[in-house]
Protein backbone atom coordinates (compact mmCIF):
# COMPACT_ATOMS: atom_id res chain seq x y z
CA UNK A 1 -16.05 43.92 27.92
CA UNK A 2 -18.48 44.76 25.13
CA UNK A 3 -16.19 43.16 22.54
CA UNK A 4 -15.96 39.97 24.60
CA UNK A 5 -19.75 39.69 24.63
CA UNK A 6 -19.88 40.11 20.84
CA UNK A 7 -17.08 37.63 20.12
CA UNK A 8 -18.11 34.52 18.20
CA UNK A 9 -15.65 31.78 17.30
CA UNK A 10 -15.77 30.92 13.62
CA UNK A 11 -13.50 28.75 11.55
CA UNK A 12 -12.86 29.40 7.92
CA UNK A 13 -10.55 27.94 5.34
CA UNK A 14 -7.30 29.78 4.92
CA UNK A 15 -5.94 28.03 1.86
CA UNK A 16 -7.51 26.79 -1.39
CA UNK A 17 -6.44 23.24 -0.49
CA UNK A 18 -8.38 23.40 2.76
CA UNK A 19 -11.42 25.05 1.17
CA UNK A 20 -11.78 22.88 -1.94
CA UNK A 21 -10.21 19.54 -0.94
CA UNK A 22 -10.01 18.93 2.79
CA UNK A 23 -13.24 20.54 3.97
CA UNK A 24 -15.48 18.64 1.50
CA UNK A 25 -13.62 15.43 2.39
CA UNK A 26 -14.15 16.02 6.11
CA UNK A 27 -17.81 16.94 5.57
CA UNK A 28 -18.34 13.72 3.62
CA UNK A 29 -16.82 11.62 6.39
CA UNK A 30 -18.72 13.35 9.19
CA UNK A 31 -22.07 13.27 7.38
CA UNK A 32 -21.92 9.85 5.71
CA UNK A 33 -19.62 7.56 7.67
CA UNK A 34 -20.25 8.42 11.32
CA UNK A 35 -23.45 7.16 12.95
CA UNK A 36 -25.44 9.65 15.03
CA UNK A 37 -24.73 7.80 18.27
CA UNK A 38 -20.94 8.16 17.91
CA UNK A 39 -19.64 10.65 20.47
CA UNK A 40 -17.16 13.28 19.25
CA UNK A 41 -14.87 12.52 22.20
CA UNK A 42 -14.68 8.89 21.07
CA UNK A 43 -13.62 10.07 17.61
CA UNK A 44 -10.83 12.10 19.18
CA UNK A 45 -9.75 9.11 21.26
CA UNK A 46 -9.74 6.87 18.16
CA UNK A 47 -7.46 9.42 16.50
CA UNK A 48 -4.65 8.38 18.83
CA UNK A 49 -4.56 4.73 17.74
CA UNK A 50 -2.37 4.87 14.62
CA UNK A 51 0.07 7.54 15.87
CA UNK A 52 0.61 5.51 19.04
CA UNK A 53 1.15 2.37 16.96
CA UNK A 54 3.87 4.14 14.98
CA UNK A 55 5.52 5.37 18.17
CA UNK A 56 5.42 1.92 19.76
CA UNK A 57 6.82 0.27 16.63
CA UNK A 58 9.71 2.72 16.55
CA UNK A 59 10.51 2.20 20.21
CA UNK A 60 10.31 -1.58 19.83
CA UNK A 61 12.42 -1.85 16.66
CA UNK A 62 14.94 0.87 17.46
CA UNK A 63 15.09 1.67 21.20
CA UNK A 64 18.22 3.81 20.87
CA UNK A 65 16.75 5.80 17.93
CA UNK A 66 20.08 5.64 16.08
CA UNK A 67 19.32 3.28 13.18
CA UNK A 68 17.70 4.52 9.96
CA UNK A 69 13.93 4.30 9.83
CA UNK A 70 12.45 1.71 7.45
CA UNK A 71 10.27 2.88 4.58
CA UNK A 72 7.22 1.05 5.94
CA UNK A 73 7.63 2.97 9.21
CA UNK A 74 7.70 6.25 7.32
CA UNK A 75 4.49 5.20 5.60
CA UNK A 76 3.01 4.33 9.01
CA UNK A 77 3.98 7.82 10.27
CA UNK A 78 2.25 9.37 7.28
CA UNK A 79 -0.87 7.23 7.85
CA UNK A 80 -0.88 8.16 11.52
CA UNK A 81 -0.64 11.85 10.73
CA UNK A 82 -3.40 11.66 8.11
CA UNK A 83 -5.59 9.56 10.42
CA UNK A 84 -5.18 11.98 13.32
CA UNK A 85 -5.71 15.05 11.13
CA UNK A 86 -8.89 13.59 9.63
CA UNK A 87 -10.43 12.47 12.90
CA UNK A 88 -9.47 15.70 14.63
CA UNK A 89 -11.12 17.74 11.87
CA UNK A 90 -14.27 15.63 11.79
CA UNK A 91 -14.95 15.38 15.51
CA UNK A 92 -16.09 19.00 15.65
CA UNK A 93 -18.31 18.49 12.63
CA UNK A 94 -19.83 15.44 14.35
CA UNK A 95 -20.39 17.47 17.52
CA UNK A 96 -22.22 20.18 15.60
CA UNK A 97 -24.20 17.57 13.64
CA UNK A 98 -25.41 15.71 16.70
């Protein structure tokens, strides 16, 4: 029980890419692009927009999921992943900032 009382959650970068590239990028976005009134939960909710668009486009264009995926859809998947990763990483920074 003593160790539970002393436990403190802390995040730290595990790779040089995260430490020197992603974390400064996320800090810039959270500190310079988000207004103070923007709720972190709204940021998380906005993170679902592009991934859901890619899912809906796939289901609409290829309901059986048997045809090859178009290159623009692959780009949309990449954008959705990057969008979600960025907003997911910055919502916690926004929560701590506000």
